[in-house]
Amino acid sequence: MKVAVLGLDCAAPQLVFDQWREELPNLRQLMDAGRYGPLESTHPPITVPAWACMMSSRDPGQFGIYGFRNRKDHSYDGYALANASTLRHELVWDILGRAGKQVIVLGVPPSYPPRPVHGLLVGCFLTPSTKSAYTYPPEIKEEVERVAGGYVLDVEGFRTDDKDALLTRIYEKTRKHFAVAKHFLKTRPWDFFMMVEMGVDRIHHGFWKYMDPTHPKYVPGNPYEHAIREYYRYCDQEVGEILALLPGDTAVFVVSDHGAKKMDGGLCFNEWLLRKGYLTLESYPDRLTPIDRAAINWSRTKAWGDGGYYGRLFLNVKGREPQGIVAPTDYEKVRSDLIAEIEAIEDAEGRNIGSRAYRPEELYR
């Protein structure tokens, strides 16, 4: 039996299982003939590390990867970008390859730089550019470029306000990726096939507010109201073409790494820490400033947040950080106080916003 895994990054269960189920005949057929349901994502539910965890049965704490940018030591500026070279554990295709199985791995994050596999691999969206060596073996890069008509690694500028151009780029990227997938399924031996399509994630980032009537910025009848639905229908067609190339006894998995929802607002985490007295600056900036460019007074700072667009919180511990001030004996009290205060955060109308804070040992092995 062969195994095929089709990854749709950020595919939302509520859209696939419920809202648009009848408009997605190929995915609906898989659901009707098999099993389906919402999967639990990682903490945090982010593309990197979620796919690596799914393919390894590890958690982010075991990888030391919690997002795209991760702290690599206890200095204040020691960050490293996540990529395949930081993975210290075997992934499923490594195990299969060692057992002599042929694998095809296409765009599964993180897969740049490409590592040797028993088969072939095309790198993911973390690849700097198509000028990089993003395939294994290296010589298939020319084949990938030819089949795709010029390969595209990701949707550039997916936060742009030029929505027409963005739609064009999303469809172009998705078409090229599925073209390469179908080509290799037709021309290469394989026992395990896996691809991840990032276009779903990108179209959610760019168009969710136009689609969701509960979004605070939704306008009924706007020209992009059905953009996400039409793209889902297109992806379903591509999935159908992939399914048609698989032997009848292939075990097929369609999976996403995390879901999607509207954003009602955001919390400026370091601003909150400033107001609470956990973070102290030498001088307050006169414009929006990333925390790594702010003049932090470390000798008066107990905690700060950095590393992504979600709340990753670090304590400035004496004897660990260069200018740490939180005594190890006070560490647990400071941490517990922060958790309580985070979970008590209210919105502008005085309503609790439901924040949750976790100790790493509560989540990670």
Protein backbone atom coordinates (compact mmCIF):
# COMPACT_ATOMS: atom_id res chain seq x y z
CA MET A 1 0.00 0.00 0.00
CA LYS A 2 1.15 3.52 -0.85
CA VAL A 3 0.57 6.56 1.37
CA ALA A 4 -0.23 10.04 0.04
CA VAL A 5 -0.45 13.10 2.30
CA LEU A 6 -1.94 16.30 0.89
CA GLY A 7 -1.21 19.24 3.16
CA LEU A 8 -3.36 22.35 2.82
CA ASP A 9 -1.67 24.86 5.09
CA CYS A 10 -4.19 26.71 7.27
CA ALA A 11 -7.23 24.92 5.77
CA ALA A 12 -10.08 25.73 8.15
CA PRO A 13 -12.18 22.77 9.39
CA GLN A 14 -15.32 24.90 9.63
CA LEU A 15 -15.07 25.71 5.92
CA VAL A 16 -14.18 22.23 4.65
CA PHE A 17 -16.42 20.16 6.93
CA ASP A 18 -19.43 22.44 7.10
CA GLN A 19 -19.75 25.73 5.26
CA TRP A 20 -18.51 24.69 1.81
CA ARG A 21 -18.62 20.90 2.03
CA GLU A 22 -21.13 20.53 -0.82
CA GLU A 23 -19.00 22.71 -3.10
CA LEU A 24 -15.85 20.60 -2.63
CA PRO A 25 -16.75 17.27 -4.29
CA ASN A 26 -13.33 15.63 -4.06
CA LEU A 27 -12.78 16.45 -0.42
CA ARG A 28 -16.40 15.52 0.29
CA GLN A 29 -15.89 12.13 -1.36
CA LEU A 30 -12.87 11.48 0.87
CA MET A 31 -14.91 12.44 3.94
CA ASP A 32 -17.85 10.27 2.91
CA ALA A 33 -15.63 7.25 2.25
CA GLY A 34 -13.27 7.68 5.18
CA ARG A 35 -12.90 9.46 8.50
CA TYR A 36 -12.53 13.14 9.25
CA GLY A 37 -12.49 15.60 12.10
CA PRO A 38 -10.62 18.56 13.57
CA LEU A 39 -7.04 17.82 14.62
CA GLU A 40 -5.34 19.49 17.56
CA SER A 41 -2.53 21.73 16.41
CA THR A 42 0.70 22.54 18.21
CA HIS A 43 1.28 25.26 20.80
CA PRO A 44 1.70 27.74 19.23
CA PRO A 45 -0.45 26.81 16.20
CA ILE A 46 1.98 28.10 13.58
CA THR A 47 3.24 26.61 10.30
CA VAL A 48 6.72 26.23 11.70
CA PRO A 49 6.85 24.12 13.90
CA ALA A 50 3.47 22.44 13.28
CA TRP A 51 4.42 20.44 10.16
CA ALA A 52 7.68 19.21 11.67
CA CYS A 53 5.84 18.07 14.78
CA MET A 54 3.21 16.29 12.69
CA MET A 55 5.88 14.44 10.74
CA SER A 56 7.95 13.43 13.78
CA SER A 57 5.61 12.88 16.75
CA ARG A 58 7.69 15.50 18.59
CA ASP A 59 6.57 18.76 20.14
CA PRO A 60 7.99 22.29 19.70
CA GLY A 61 9.87 22.09 22.98
CA GLN A 62 11.76 19.01 21.80
CA PHE A 63 12.75 20.81 18.62
CA GLY A 64 13.37 24.15 20.30
CA ILE A 65 11.34 25.71 17.48
CA TYR A 66 8.27 27.79 18.38
CA GLY A 67 7.96 29.91 15.23
CA PHE A 68 10.07 31.33 12.44
CA ARG A 69 12.48 33.14 14.76
CA ASN A 70 13.74 31.43 17.89
CA ARG A 71 16.04 32.26 20.75
CA LYS A 72 19.25 30.25 20.39
CA ASP A 73 20.93 31.24 23.67
CA HIS A 74 20.33 33.41 26.74
CA SER A 75 21.70 36.62 25.25
CA TYR A 76 19.32 39.44 24.38
CA ASP A 77 19.92 39.33 20.64
CA GLY A 78 20.72 35.66 19.98
CA TYR A 79 18.02 34.63 17.53
CA ALA A 80 18.06 32.08 14.73
CA LEU A 81 15.63 31.55 11.86
CA ALA A 82 14.06 28.10 11.78
CA ASN A 83 14.98 25.83 8.91
CA ALA A 84 15.58 22.15 8.22
CA SER A 85 19.14 22.27 9.51
CA THR A 86 17.84 22.88 13.04
CA LEU A 87 15.81 19.65 13.12
CA ARG A 88 17.63 17.11 15.29
CA HIS A 89 15.07 14.31 15.01
CA GLU A 90 14.08 11.99 12.20
CA LEU A 91 10.98 12.77 10.17
CA VAL A 92 8.70 10.09 8.79
CA TRP A 93 10.37 10.07 5.37
CA ASP A 94 13.77 9.55 6.98
CA ILE A 95 12.45 6.41 8.68
CA LEU A 96 10.75 5.20 5.51
CA GLY A 97 13.85 5.85 3.43
CA ARG A 98 15.96 3.83 5.83
CA ALA A 99 13.50 0.98 5.29
CA GLY A 100 14.03 1.22 1.52
CA LYS A 101 10.82 3.08 0.68
CA GLN A 102 10.83 5.66 -2.10
CA VAL A 103 9.59 9.09 -1.03
CA ILE A 104 8.45 12.27 -2.80
CA VAL A 105 8.40 15.30 -0.49
CA LEU A 106 7.26 18.66 -1.90
CA GLY A 107 7.25 21.94 0.02
CA VAL A 108 6.78 20.54 3.54
CA PRO A 109 8.01 23.15 6.08
CA PRO A 110 10.72 23.21 7.13
CA SER A 111 12.56 21.53 4.24
CA TYR A 112 15.21 24.09 3.39
CA PRO A 113 18.09 23.52 3.13
CA PRO A 114 17.18 20.19 1.51
CA ARG A 115 18.38 17.08 3.31
CA PRO A 116 19.10 13.79 1.49
CA VAL A 117 16.10 11.48 1.18
CA HIS A 118 15.55 8.10 -0.47
CA GLY A 119 13.74 9.65 -3.39
CA LEU A 120 13.31 13.36 -4.06
CA LEU A 121 12.55 16.52 -2.15
CA VAL A 122 11.63 20.08 -3.14
CA GLY A 123 12.20 22.76 -0.48
CA CYS A 124 9.53 24.84 1.24
CA PHE A 125 8.62 28.52 1.44
CA LEU A 126 11.54 29.17 3.82
CA THR A 127 13.90 28.86 0.84
CA PRO A 128 15.49 32.31 0.27
CA SER A 129 14.93 32.28 -3.50
CA THR A 130 14.80 29.98 -6.51
CA LYS A 131 18.47 30.83 -7.04
CA SER A 132 19.17 28.70 -3.97
CA ALA A 133 19.79 24.95 -4.14
CA TYR A 134 16.31 23.92 -3.00
CA THR A 135 16.00 20.33 -4.27
CA TYR A 136 17.38 16.90 -3.52
CA PRO A 137 18.94 15.58 -5.56
CA PRO A 138 20.24 18.94 -6.82
CA GLU A 139 19.88 17.98 -10.48
CA ILE A 140 16.05 17.86 -10.35
CA LYS A 141 15.91 21.63 -9.83
CA GLU A 142 16.05 22.21 -13.58
CA GLU A 143 13.21 19.72 -14.06
CA VAL A 144 11.10 21.46 -11.41
CA GLU A 145 11.65 24.85 -13.03
CA ARG A 146 10.77 23.49 -16.47
CA VAL A 147 7.59 21.70 -15.38
CA ALA A 148 6.36 24.69 -13.37
CA GLY A 149 7.25 27.21 -16.03
CA GLY A 150 9.41 28.95 -13.46
CA TYR A 151 8.92 27.68 -9.91
CA VAL A 152 7.49 29.95 -7.19
CA LEU A 153 8.36 29.22 -3.56
CA ASP A 154 5.78 31.44 -1.84
CA VAL A 155 3.26 34.20 -2.45
CA GLU A 156 5.31 37.37 -2.24
CA GLY A 157 3.76 40.35 -0.45
CA PHE A 158 0.63 38.52 0.68
CA ARG A 159 -0.23 41.40 3.04
CA THR A 160 -0.54 43.87 0.16
CA ASP A 161 -3.56 46.10 -0.45
CA ASP A 162 -3.42 45.29 -4.19
CA LYS A 163 -5.85 42.39 -3.92
CA ASP A 164 -6.23 41.72 -7.65
CA ALA A 165 -2.49 41.21 -8.05
CA LEU A 166 -2.42 39.10 -4.88
CA LEU A 167 -5.10 36.76 -6.22
CA THR A 168 -3.12 36.32 -9.41
CA ARG A 169 0.02 35.40 -7.46
CA ILE A 170 -1.82 32.95 -5.20
CA TYR A 171 -3.35 31.07 -8.11
CA GLU A 172 -0.09 31.10 -10.06
CA LYS A 173 1.85 29.63 -7.16
CA THR A 174 -0.76 26.96 -6.45
CA ARG A 175 -0.97 25.94 -10.11
CA LYS A 176 2.80 25.59 -10.35
CA HIS A 177 3.05 23.49 -7.19
CA PHE A 178 0.32 21.08 -8.23
CA ALA A 179 1.85 20.81 -11.72
CA VAL A 180 5.14 19.67 -10.18
CA ALA A 181 3.32 17.24 -7.88
CA LYS A 182 1.38 15.64 -10.73
CA HIS A 183 4.53 15.42 -12.84
CA PHE A 184 6.50 13.52 -10.21
CA LEU A 185 3.58 11.22 -9.41
CA LYS A 186 3.51 10.26 -13.08
CA THR A 187 7.25 9.93 -13.63
CA ARG A 188 8.86 8.67 -10.41
CA PRO A 189 8.52 5.54 -8.32
CA TRP A 190 7.12 6.24 -4.87
CA ASP A 191 5.79 4.60 -1.74
CA PHE A 192 5.21 7.78 0.27
CA PHE A 193 4.13 11.07 -1.32
CA MET A 194 3.58 14.34 0.51
CA MET A 195 3.03 17.92 -0.56
CA VAL A 196 2.05 21.09 1.31
CA GLU A 197 0.28 23.95 -0.44
CA MET A 198 0.76 27.32 1.29
CA GLY A 199 -1.69 29.21 -0.88
CA VAL A 200 -4.57 28.49 1.50
CA ASP A 201 -2.73 30.25 4.31
CA ARG A 202 -1.89 33.21 2.09
CA ILE A 203 -5.42 33.72 0.82
CA HIS A 204 -6.73 33.63 4.40
CA HIS A 205 -4.26 36.34 5.42
CA GLY A 206 -5.24 38.48 2.47
CA PHE A 207 -9.01 38.02 2.21
CA TRP A 208 -10.61 36.74 5.43
CA LYS A 209 -12.14 40.09 6.36
CA TYR A 210 -13.88 40.23 2.99
CA MET A 211 -15.51 36.81 3.50
CA ASP A 212 -16.49 36.62 7.18
CA PRO A 213 -19.69 38.51 8.14
CA THR A 214 -18.59 38.47 11.80
CA HIS A 215 -15.30 40.25 11.02
CA PRO A 216 -15.30 43.87 12.28
CA LYS A 217 -14.11 45.09 8.87
CA TYR A 218 -16.49 43.03 6.73
CA VAL A 219 -18.53 44.96 4.14
CA PRO A 220 -21.47 43.10 2.55
CA GLY A 221 -21.30 42.80 -1.22
CA ASN A 222 -17.62 43.68 -1.49
CA PRO A 223 -15.84 42.50 -4.68
CA TYR A 224 -13.75 39.88 -2.83
CA GLU A 225 -16.55 38.35 -0.79
CA HIS A 226 -16.22 34.97 -2.54
CA ALA A 227 -12.47 35.00 -3.22
CA ILE A 228 -11.63 32.40 -0.57
CA ARG A 229 -14.56 30.16 -1.50
CA GLU A 230 -13.61 30.18 -5.18
CA TYR A 231 -10.01 29.37 -4.28
CA TYR A 232 -11.13 26.44 -2.11
CA ARG A 233 -13.12 25.16 -5.09
CA TYR A 234 -10.04 25.47 -7.27
CA CYS A 235 -7.90 23.61 -4.73
CA ASP A 236 -10.52 20.87 -4.59
CA GLN A 237 -10.19 20.44 -8.35
CA GLU A 238 -6.43 20.12 -8.03
CA VAL A 239 -6.86 17.59 -5.21
CA GLY A 240 -9.15 15.61 -7.50
CA GLU A 241 -6.49 15.50 -10.21
CA ILE A 242 -3.95 14.25 -7.66
CA LEU A 243 -6.37 11.56 -6.47
CA ALA A 244 -6.88 10.38 -10.04
CA LEU A 245 -3.16 9.59 -10.26
CA LEU A 246 -3.08 7.42 -7.13
CA PRO A 247 -3.55 3.64 -7.10
CA GLY A 248 -6.93 2.62 -5.74
CA ASP A 249 -5.56 1.17 -2.51
CA THR A 250 -3.52 4.27 -1.60
CA ALA A 251 -4.02 5.50 1.97
CA VAL A 252 -4.83 9.20 1.55
CA PHE A 253 -4.53 11.84 4.25
CA VAL A 254 -5.63 15.45 3.74
CA VAL A 255 -4.35 17.52 6.64
CA SER A 256 -3.81 21.10 7.74
CA ASP A 257 -1.39 22.35 10.35
CA HIS A 258 -3.67 24.95 11.91
CA GLY A 259 -6.98 26.60 11.21
CA ALA A 260 -8.08 30.20 10.71
CA LYS A 261 -10.47 32.73 12.21
CA LYS A 262 -11.19 36.43 12.26
CA MET A 263 -9.07 38.80 14.32
CA ASP A 264 -11.05 41.25 16.43
CA GLY A 265 -7.95 43.15 17.49
CA GLY A 266 -4.44 42.80 18.78
CA LEU A 267 -2.53 43.32 22.00
CA CYS A 268 0.77 45.20 22.03
CA PHE A 269 2.41 42.79 24.43
CA ASN A 270 5.53 44.79 25.29
CA GLU A 271 3.45 47.94 25.71
CA TRP A 272 1.39 46.00 28.26
CA LEU A 273 4.57 44.83 30.02
CA LEU A 274 5.77 48.44 30.14
CA ARG A 275 2.56 49.63 31.76
CA LYS A 276 2.68 46.78 34.27
CA GLY A 277 6.24 47.62 35.26
CA TYR A 278 7.87 44.41 34.05
CA LEU A 279 9.70 46.11 31.16
CA THR A 280 11.66 49.37 31.43
CA LEU A 281 13.08 51.51 28.62
CA GLU A 282 15.93 54.01 28.72
CA SER A 283 13.77 56.26 26.57
CA TYR A 284 10.36 55.83 24.96
CA PRO A 285 10.48 55.76 21.12
CA ASP A 286 8.70 58.44 19.10
CA ARG A 287 7.43 55.96 16.51
CA LEU A 288 6.41 52.29 16.24
CA THR A 289 9.58 50.36 17.08
CA PRO A 290 10.33 46.62 17.12
CA ILE A 291 11.39 45.48 20.56
CA ASP A 292 14.86 44.48 19.36
CA ARG A 293 15.46 48.11 18.37
CA ALA A 294 14.13 49.63 21.56
CA ALA A 295 16.48 51.04 24.23
CA ILE A 296 15.74 48.55 27.00
CA ASN A 297 17.06 49.14 30.49
CA TRP A 298 17.88 45.54 31.31
CA SER A 299 18.94 46.36 34.87
CA ARG A 300 15.30 47.26 35.62
CA THR A 301 13.52 44.76 33.33
CA LYS A 302 11.96 41.56 34.63
CA ALA A 303 10.29 40.35 31.43
CA TRP A 304 9.92 41.04 27.72
CA GLY A 305 8.22 39.54 24.71
CA ASP A 306 9.79 38.76 21.35
CA GLY A 307 9.96 36.25 18.55
CA GLY A 308 6.70 36.40 16.64
CA TYR A 309 3.18 37.83 16.35
CA TYR A 310 1.98 35.90 19.39
CA GLY A 311 2.88 36.29 23.06
CA ARG A 312 6.23 34.62 23.68
CA LEU A 313 7.42 35.83 27.07
CA PHE A 314 10.94 35.68 28.53
CA LEU A 315 12.11 36.36 32.07
CA ASN A 316 15.34 38.23 32.75
CA VAL A 317 16.86 35.78 35.24
CA LYS A 318 19.87 36.59 37.40
CA GLY A 319 22.81 34.35 36.56
CA ARG A 320 21.25 33.31 33.22
CA GLU A 321 20.69 36.45 31.15
CA PRO A 322 23.64 38.89 30.97
CA GLN A 323 21.92 41.52 33.14
CA GLY A 324 19.31 39.34 34.79
CA ILE A 325 17.50 40.70 37.85
CA VAL A 326 14.91 38.03 38.68
CA ALA A 327 16.45 35.91 41.44
CA PRO A 328 16.10 32.15 40.82
CA THR A 329 14.26 31.90 44.15
CA ASP A 330 11.69 34.43 42.89
CA TYR A 331 11.36 32.94 39.42
CA GLU A 332 8.21 30.91 40.06
CA LYS A 333 6.43 33.73 41.86
CA VAL A 334 7.15 36.23 39.07
CA ARG A 335 6.01 33.68 36.51
CA SER A 336 2.79 32.92 38.40
CA ASP A 337 2.07 36.64 38.84
CA LEU A 338 2.50 37.21 35.11
CA ILE A 339 0.21 34.31 34.24
CA ALA A 340 -2.51 35.66 36.52
CA GLU A 341 -2.21 39.18 35.11
CA ILE A 342 -2.20 37.98 31.49
CA GLU A 343 -5.34 35.93 32.07
CA ALA A 344 -7.03 38.97 33.62
CA ILE A 345 -6.48 41.25 30.57
CA GLU A 346 -9.62 43.14 29.56
CA ASP A 347 -10.62 44.95 26.39
CA ALA A 348 -11.51 48.63 26.14
CA GLU A 349 -15.04 47.87 27.42
CA GLY A 350 -13.77 46.04 30.49
CA ARG A 351 -14.52 42.53 29.20
CA ASN A 352 -12.03 39.74 29.79
CA ILE A 353 -10.58 38.74 26.41
CA GLY A 354 -9.85 35.13 27.36
CA SER A 355 -6.06 35.19 27.26
CA ARG A 356 -4.31 31.99 28.33
CA ALA A 357 -0.72 31.72 29.52
CA TYR A 358 1.23 28.46 29.76
CA ARG A 359 4.39 27.34 31.48
CA PRO A 360 6.57 25.44 28.97
CA GLU A 361 6.50 22.27 31.09
CA GLU A 362 2.71 22.24 30.84
CA LEU A 363 2.91 21.90 27.07
CA TYR A 364 6.19 20.26 26.12
CA ARG A 365 7.92 17.01 26.85
